[in-house]
Amino acid sequence: PWHLPEDFKWFKKTTMGGILVMGRKTYDSIGRPLPGRETFVLSRTPREIKGVTSLTDLGMLAHLETDKTIWIAGGAEIYRQMLPQCSELILTRVHRSPEGDAFFPEFEDQFELSEVIQTTEDFTIERWLTK
């Protein structure tokens, strides 16, 4: 429902060299693995996709041995499942109210705002840390 090139640039710069974890629908909306990052896609019915590691269970991440930052890139159900395991959230708050039925889960009781990273007319990027 929105296109924010500045936010995309920030996302690219910040996640470069890391691991992106996302659901199949989120991956399908992007359409390809993003360059410079490892892409893990969670799906009940995994498919062979060049450049993508398929996961059938988010618990598989617990066995991943890496020094790379793991970024949870959506969708809503994956955010909900992974939130209790996160120590830090980087959120983009879009200054619009589109129609929709997918939302980021409630988190304010578990995290506190650490810093506002960037603010524009269209969005704000915030860093939240566990309490």
N, C-alpha and C. Protein backbone atom coordinates (compact mmCIF):
# COMPACT_ATOMS: atom_id res chain seq x y z
N PRO A 1 0.80 -1.22 0.00
CA PRO A 1 0.00 0.00 0.00
C PRO A 1 0.85 1.28 0.00
N TRP A 2 2.18 1.15 0.03
CA TRP A 2 3.04 2.32 -0.04
C TRP A 2 4.37 1.95 -0.67
N HIS A 3 5.05 2.96 -1.18
CA HIS A 3 6.37 2.78 -1.79
C HIS A 3 7.26 3.88 -1.20
N LEU A 4 8.25 3.49 -0.41
CA LEU A 4 9.10 4.45 0.29
C LEU A 4 10.57 4.20 -0.07
N PRO A 5 11.06 4.79 -1.16
CA PRO A 5 12.43 4.53 -1.60
C PRO A 5 13.49 4.80 -0.53
N GLU A 6 13.32 5.84 0.27
CA GLU A 6 14.30 6.13 1.33
C GLU A 6 14.35 5.01 2.36
N ASP A 7 13.20 4.47 2.70
CA ASP A 7 13.16 3.36 3.65
C ASP A 7 13.81 2.12 3.04
N PHE A 8 13.54 1.86 1.77
CA PHE A 8 14.17 0.72 1.09
C PHE A 8 15.69 0.86 1.10
N LYS A 9 16.19 2.07 0.84
CA LYS A 9 17.64 2.31 0.86
C LYS A 9 18.22 2.01 2.23
N TRP A 10 17.53 2.50 3.27
CA TRP A 10 17.99 2.28 4.64
C TRP A 10 17.99 0.79 4.96
N PHE A 11 16.93 0.09 4.59
CA PHE A 11 16.81 -1.34 4.81
C PHE A 11 17.95 -2.09 4.13
N LYS A 12 18.24 -1.73 2.89
CA LYS A 12 19.31 -2.39 2.14
C LYS A 12 20.65 -2.19 2.84
N LYS A 13 20.97 -0.95 3.18
CA LYS A 13 22.25 -0.64 3.83
C LYS A 13 22.38 -1.37 5.17
N THR A 14 21.31 -1.40 5.93
CA THR A 14 21.34 -1.97 7.28
C THR A 14 21.42 -3.49 7.27
N THR A 15 20.72 -4.13 6.36
CA THR A 15 20.66 -5.60 6.35
C THR A 15 21.74 -6.25 5.50
N MET A 16 22.51 -5.46 4.77
CA MET A 16 23.55 -6.00 3.88
C MET A 16 24.52 -6.87 4.68
N GLY A 17 24.80 -8.06 4.16
CA GLY A 17 25.72 -8.98 4.81
C GLY A 17 25.06 -9.86 5.87
N GLY A 18 23.79 -9.62 6.14
CA GLY A 18 23.09 -10.39 7.17
C GLY A 18 22.23 -11.50 6.58
N ILE A 19 21.37 -12.02 7.42
CA ILE A 19 20.44 -13.08 7.03
C ILE A 19 19.02 -12.53 7.15
N LEU A 20 18.25 -12.63 6.07
CA LEU A 20 16.85 -12.21 6.08
C LEU A 20 15.97 -13.44 6.21
N VAL A 21 15.07 -13.41 7.19
CA VAL A 21 14.12 -14.50 7.39
C VAL A 21 12.73 -13.94 7.10
N MET A 22 12.00 -14.63 6.24
CA MET A 22 10.67 -14.15 5.87
C MET A 22 9.77 -15.32 5.52
N GLY A 23 8.49 -15.05 5.52
CA GLY A 23 7.52 -16.05 5.10
C GLY A 23 7.43 -16.11 3.58
N ARG A 24 6.75 -17.14 3.11
CA ARG A 24 6.63 -17.34 1.67
C ARG A 24 5.91 -16.19 0.98
N LYS A 25 4.85 -15.68 1.59
CA LYS A 25 4.10 -14.59 0.95
C LYS A 25 4.96 -13.33 0.85
N THR A 26 5.74 -13.05 1.89
CA THR A 26 6.64 -11.90 1.84
C THR A 26 7.68 -12.11 0.75
N TYR A 27 8.24 -13.32 0.69
CA TYR A 27 9.22 -13.61 -0.35
C TYR A 27 8.59 -13.44 -1.74
N ASP A 28 7.39 -13.98 -1.92
CA ASP A 28 6.72 -13.88 -3.22
C ASP A 28 6.49 -12.42 -3.61
N SER A 29 6.22 -11.55 -2.62
CA SER A 29 6.00 -10.13 -2.93
C SER A 29 7.29 -9.46 -3.38
N ILE A 30 8.44 -9.96 -2.90
CA ILE A 30 9.74 -9.43 -3.33
C ILE A 30 10.14 -10.07 -4.66
N GLY A 31 9.91 -11.38 -4.76
CA GLY A 31 10.10 -12.08 -6.02
C GLY A 31 11.48 -12.66 -6.29
N ARG A 32 12.45 -12.39 -5.41
CA ARG A 32 13.81 -12.90 -5.62
C ARG A 32 14.62 -12.74 -4.34
N PRO A 33 15.71 -13.49 -4.21
CA PRO A 33 16.59 -13.24 -3.07
C PRO A 33 17.23 -11.86 -3.22
N LEU A 34 17.38 -11.14 -2.13
CA LEU A 34 17.99 -9.82 -2.20
C LEU A 34 19.51 -9.96 -2.20
N PRO A 35 20.20 -9.28 -3.10
CA PRO A 35 21.65 -9.42 -3.20
C PRO A 35 22.37 -9.00 -1.91
N GLY A 36 23.47 -9.70 -1.63
CA GLY A 36 24.31 -9.33 -0.49
C GLY A 36 23.80 -9.82 0.85
N ARG A 37 22.74 -10.61 0.84
CA ARG A 37 22.16 -11.16 2.07
C ARG A 37 21.77 -12.60 1.82
N GLU A 38 21.83 -13.42 2.87
CA GLU A 38 21.29 -14.77 2.78
C GLU A 38 19.79 -14.67 3.01
N THR A 39 19.02 -15.43 2.25
CA THR A 39 17.57 -15.39 2.37
C THR A 39 17.06 -16.74 2.84
N PHE A 40 16.32 -16.72 3.95
CA PHE A 40 15.67 -17.91 4.49
C PHE A 40 14.17 -17.68 4.36
N VAL A 41 13.46 -18.66 3.78
CA VAL A 41 12.02 -18.53 3.58
C VAL A 41 11.32 -19.65 4.33
N LEU A 42 10.38 -19.26 5.20
CA LEU A 42 9.58 -20.22 5.96
C LEU A 42 8.32 -20.55 5.17
N SER A 43 8.07 -21.86 5.00
CA SER A 43 6.88 -22.29 4.29
C SER A 43 6.51 -23.69 4.75
N ARG A 44 5.20 -23.95 4.84
CA ARG A 44 4.76 -25.31 5.18
C ARG A 44 5.12 -26.29 4.06
N THR A 45 5.15 -25.78 2.84
CA THR A 45 5.52 -26.61 1.68
C THR A 45 6.72 -25.95 0.99
N PRO A 46 7.93 -26.27 1.47
CA PRO A 46 9.12 -25.62 0.91
C PRO A 46 9.32 -25.95 -0.56
N ARG A 47 9.92 -25.00 -1.27
CA ARG A 47 10.23 -25.20 -2.68
C ARG A 47 11.72 -24.97 -2.88
N GLU A 48 12.24 -25.55 -3.94
CA GLU A 48 13.63 -25.31 -4.33
C GLU A 48 13.68 -23.96 -5.03
N ILE A 49 14.35 -23.01 -4.42
CA ILE A 49 14.53 -21.70 -5.04
C ILE A 49 16.02 -21.39 -4.99
N LYS A 50 16.59 -21.10 -6.13
CA LYS A 50 18.02 -20.80 -6.19
C LYS A 50 18.34 -19.59 -5.32
N GLY A 51 19.33 -19.75 -4.44
CA GLY A 51 19.75 -18.65 -3.58
C GLY A 51 18.93 -18.48 -2.32
N VAL A 52 18.04 -19.45 -2.04
CA VAL A 52 17.16 -19.37 -0.87
C VAL A 52 17.31 -20.64 -0.04
N THR A 53 17.36 -20.48 1.28
CA THR A 53 17.30 -21.62 2.19
C THR A 53 15.87 -21.75 2.67
N SER A 54 15.26 -22.91 2.47
CA SER A 54 13.88 -23.13 2.90
C SER A 54 13.84 -23.64 4.33
N LEU A 55 12.91 -23.12 5.11
CA LEU A 55 12.67 -23.57 6.49
C LEU A 55 11.23 -24.04 6.59
N THR A 56 11.02 -25.13 7.32
CA THR A 56 9.65 -25.56 7.58
C THR A 56 9.23 -25.22 9.00
N ASP A 57 10.20 -24.76 9.80
CA ASP A 57 9.95 -24.46 11.21
C ASP A 57 10.94 -23.39 11.65
N LEU A 58 10.45 -22.34 12.30
CA LEU A 58 11.34 -21.27 12.76
C LEU A 58 12.32 -21.77 13.81
N GLY A 59 12.00 -22.88 14.48
CA GLY A 59 12.92 -23.46 15.45
C GLY A 59 14.24 -23.87 14.83
N MET A 60 14.25 -24.07 13.52
CA MET A 60 15.49 -24.42 12.83
C MET A 60 16.54 -23.32 12.96
N LEU A 61 16.10 -22.08 13.18
CA LEU A 61 17.04 -20.97 13.34
C LEU A 61 17.88 -21.11 14.60
N ALA A 62 17.35 -21.77 15.61
CA ALA A 62 18.08 -21.93 16.88
C ALA A 62 19.35 -22.74 16.68
N HIS A 63 19.39 -23.56 15.66
CA HIS A 63 20.56 -24.42 15.40
C HIS A 63 21.53 -23.80 14.40
N LEU A 64 21.22 -22.60 13.96
CA LEU A 64 22.05 -21.92 12.98
C LEU A 64 23.29 -21.35 13.66
N GLU A 65 24.46 -21.75 13.21
CA GLU A 65 25.70 -21.22 13.76
C GLU A 65 26.21 -20.14 12.83
N THR A 66 26.12 -18.89 13.27
CA THR A 66 26.53 -17.77 12.44
C THR A 66 26.87 -16.57 13.31
N ASP A 67 27.74 -15.73 12.80
CA ASP A 67 28.03 -14.45 13.44
C ASP A 67 27.24 -13.33 12.77
N LYS A 68 26.49 -13.68 11.73
CA LYS A 68 25.74 -12.67 10.99
C LYS A 68 24.49 -12.26 11.76
N THR A 69 24.08 -11.03 11.55
CA THR A 69 22.83 -10.55 12.14
C THR A 69 21.66 -11.19 11.40
N ILE A 70 20.69 -11.67 12.17
CA ILE A 70 19.48 -12.26 11.59
C ILE A 70 18.38 -11.21 11.65
N TRP A 71 17.83 -10.88 10.49
CA TRP A 71 16.76 -9.89 10.36
C TRP A 71 15.45 -10.60 10.03
N ILE A 72 14.42 -10.36 10.82
CA ILE A 72 13.10 -10.92 10.56
C ILE A 72 12.37 -9.91 9.68
N ALA A 73 12.02 -10.33 8.46
CA ALA A 73 11.48 -9.40 7.47
C ALA A 73 10.00 -9.62 7.16
N GLY A 74 9.29 -10.36 8.01
CA GLY A 74 7.85 -10.50 7.84
C GLY A 74 7.45 -11.85 7.29
N GLY A 75 6.22 -12.07 7.23
CA GLY A 75 5.05 -11.30 7.52
C GLY A 75 4.61 -11.34 8.97
N ALA A 76 3.35 -10.98 9.15
CA ALA A 76 2.79 -10.76 10.48
C ALA A 76 2.92 -11.98 11.39
N GLU A 77 2.65 -13.16 10.89
CA GLU A 77 2.71 -14.37 11.72
C GLU A 77 4.15 -14.67 12.15
N ILE A 78 5.10 -14.45 11.27
CA ILE A 78 6.51 -14.68 11.62
C ILE A 78 6.96 -13.66 12.66
N TYR A 79 6.54 -12.41 12.50
CA TYR A 79 6.85 -11.41 13.54
C TYR A 79 6.30 -11.88 14.89
N ARG A 80 5.05 -12.34 14.89
CA ARG A 80 4.42 -12.76 16.15
C ARG A 80 5.20 -13.91 16.79
N GLN A 81 5.60 -14.89 15.98
CA GLN A 81 6.31 -16.05 16.52
C GLN A 81 7.71 -15.70 17.01
N MET A 82 8.38 -14.79 16.33
CA MET A 82 9.78 -14.48 16.66
C MET A 82 9.94 -13.39 17.71
N LEU A 83 8.93 -12.59 17.94
CA LEU A 83 9.04 -11.46 18.87
C LEU A 83 9.60 -11.84 20.23
N PRO A 84 9.15 -12.94 20.86
CA PRO A 84 9.69 -13.28 22.19
C PRO A 84 11.19 -13.60 22.18
N GLN A 85 11.74 -13.91 21.02
CA GLN A 85 13.16 -14.26 20.93
C GLN A 85 14.04 -13.08 20.53
N CYS A 86 13.43 -11.94 20.27
CA CYS A 86 14.19 -10.77 19.82
C CYS A 86 14.63 -9.92 21.00
N SER A 87 15.83 -9.38 20.91
CA SER A 87 16.33 -8.46 21.93
C SER A 87 16.29 -7.02 21.43
N GLU A 88 16.11 -6.86 20.14
CA GLU A 88 16.10 -5.54 19.53
C GLU A 88 15.11 -5.54 18.37
N LEU A 89 14.38 -4.44 18.23
CA LEU A 89 13.48 -4.26 17.10
C LEU A 89 13.88 -2.99 16.35
N ILE A 90 13.93 -3.07 15.05
CA ILE A 90 14.08 -1.89 14.21
C ILE A 90 12.78 -1.80 13.42
N LEU A 91 11.99 -0.77 13.70
CA LEU A 91 10.66 -0.65 13.10
C LEU A 91 10.55 0.59 12.24
N THR A 92 9.90 0.45 11.12
CA THR A 92 9.53 1.60 10.32
C THR A 92 8.04 1.84 10.55
N ARG A 93 7.74 3.02 11.06
CA ARG A 93 6.33 3.41 11.24
C ARG A 93 5.96 4.31 10.07
N VAL A 94 5.05 3.83 9.26
CA VAL A 94 4.62 4.57 8.08
C VAL A 94 3.51 5.53 8.51
N HIS A 95 3.62 6.77 8.10
CA HIS A 95 2.67 7.80 8.52
C HIS A 95 1.43 7.79 7.62
N ARG A 96 0.81 6.64 7.53
CA ARG A 96 -0.43 6.46 6.77
C ARG A 96 -1.28 5.42 7.48
N SER A 97 -2.54 5.37 7.12
CA SER A 97 -3.44 4.36 7.69
C SER A 97 -4.14 3.61 6.56
N PRO A 98 -3.42 2.70 5.91
CA PRO A 98 -4.04 1.96 4.80
C PRO A 98 -5.03 0.92 5.30
N GLU A 99 -5.92 0.51 4.42
CA GLU A 99 -6.81 -0.61 4.72
C GLU A 99 -5.96 -1.87 4.77
N GLY A 100 -6.31 -2.80 5.63
CA GLY A 100 -5.57 -4.05 5.67
C GLY A 100 -5.96 -4.90 6.86
N ASP A 101 -5.50 -6.14 6.84
CA ASP A 101 -5.82 -7.06 7.93
C ASP A 101 -4.58 -7.72 8.51
N ALA A 102 -3.39 -7.24 8.16
CA ALA A 102 -2.14 -7.77 8.72
C ALA A 102 -1.46 -6.65 9.50
N PHE A 103 -1.10 -6.95 10.75
CA PHE A 103 -0.53 -5.94 11.62
C PHE A 103 0.67 -6.49 12.37
N PHE A 104 1.58 -5.60 12.74
CA PHE A 104 2.69 -5.98 13.60
C PHE A 104 2.12 -6.24 14.99
N PRO A 105 2.58 -7.28 15.68
CA PRO A 105 2.00 -7.60 17.00
C PRO A 105 2.32 -6.53 18.05
N GLU A 106 1.52 -6.52 19.09
CA GLU A 106 1.78 -5.61 20.22
C GLU A 106 3.13 -5.97 20.83
N PHE A 107 3.92 -4.97 21.15
CA PHE A 107 5.26 -5.23 21.67
C PHE A 107 5.69 -4.25 22.76
N GLU A 108 4.96 -3.15 22.94
CA GLU A 108 5.40 -2.07 23.82
C GLU A 108 5.57 -2.49 25.27
N ASP A 109 4.90 -3.56 25.72
CA ASP A 109 5.06 -4.00 27.10
C ASP A 109 6.36 -4.79 27.31
N GLN A 110 7.00 -5.23 26.23
CA GLN A 110 8.23 -6.02 26.32
C GLN A 110 9.48 -5.22 25.93
N PHE A 111 9.29 -4.10 25.23
CA PHE A 111 10.40 -3.32 24.69
C PHE A 111 10.24 -1.86 25.07
N GLU A 112 11.37 -1.13 25.06
CA GLU A 112 11.30 0.30 25.27
C GLU A 112 12.04 1.01 24.14
N LEU A 113 11.54 2.17 23.77
CA LEU A 113 12.14 2.93 22.69
C LEU A 113 13.54 3.36 23.09
N SER A 114 14.51 3.01 22.27
CA SER A 114 15.91 3.34 22.53
C SER A 114 16.34 4.59 21.75
N GLU A 115 15.93 4.66 20.48
CA GLU A 115 16.28 5.84 19.68
C GLU A 115 15.39 5.94 18.47
N VAL A 116 15.24 7.16 18.00
CA VAL A 116 14.61 7.41 16.71
C VAL A 116 15.76 7.57 15.73
N ILE A 117 15.85 6.65 14.79
CA ILE A 117 16.98 6.60 13.87
C ILE A 117 16.82 7.62 12.74
N GLN A 118 15.61 7.71 12.21
CA GLN A 118 15.36 8.62 11.08
C GLN A 118 13.89 8.99 11.07
N THR A 119 13.62 10.26 10.77
CA THR A 119 12.24 10.71 10.62
C THR A 119 12.12 11.49 9.32
N THR A 120 11.10 11.16 8.56
CA THR A 120 10.78 11.91 7.35
C THR A 120 9.29 12.24 7.39
N GLU A 121 8.83 12.91 6.37
CA GLU A 121 7.41 13.23 6.29
C GLU A 121 6.56 11.96 6.19
N ASP A 122 7.13 10.91 5.55
CA ASP A 122 6.37 9.69 5.28
C ASP A 122 6.53 8.57 6.29
N PHE A 123 7.65 8.55 7.02
CA PHE A 123 7.90 7.44 7.94
C PHE A 123 8.91 7.82 9.02
N THR A 124 8.94 6.98 10.06
CA THR A 124 9.92 7.11 11.15
C THR A 124 10.52 5.73 11.39
N ILE A 125 11.85 5.67 11.52
CA ILE A 125 12.53 4.42 11.84
C ILE A 125 12.96 4.49 13.30
N GLU A 126 12.56 3.48 14.08
CA GLU A 126 12.82 3.45 15.52
C GLU A 126 13.58 2.20 15.92
N ARG A 127 14.40 2.33 16.95
CA ARG A 127 15.09 1.17 17.56
C ARG A 127 14.48 0.97 18.95
N TRP A 128 14.03 -0.26 19.22
CA TRP A 128 13.46 -0.64 20.50
C TRP A 128 14.32 -1.77 21.08
N LEU A 129 14.55 -1.73 22.40
CA LEU A 129 15.33 -2.77 23.08
C LEU A 129 14.46 -3.43 24.15
N THR A 130 14.76 -4.70 24.46
CA THR A 130 13.98 -5.38 25.49
C THR A 130 14.14 -4.65 26.82
N LYS A 131 13.08 -4.69 27.62
CA LYS A 131 13.10 -4.04 28.94
C LYS A 131 13.91 -4.87 29.91
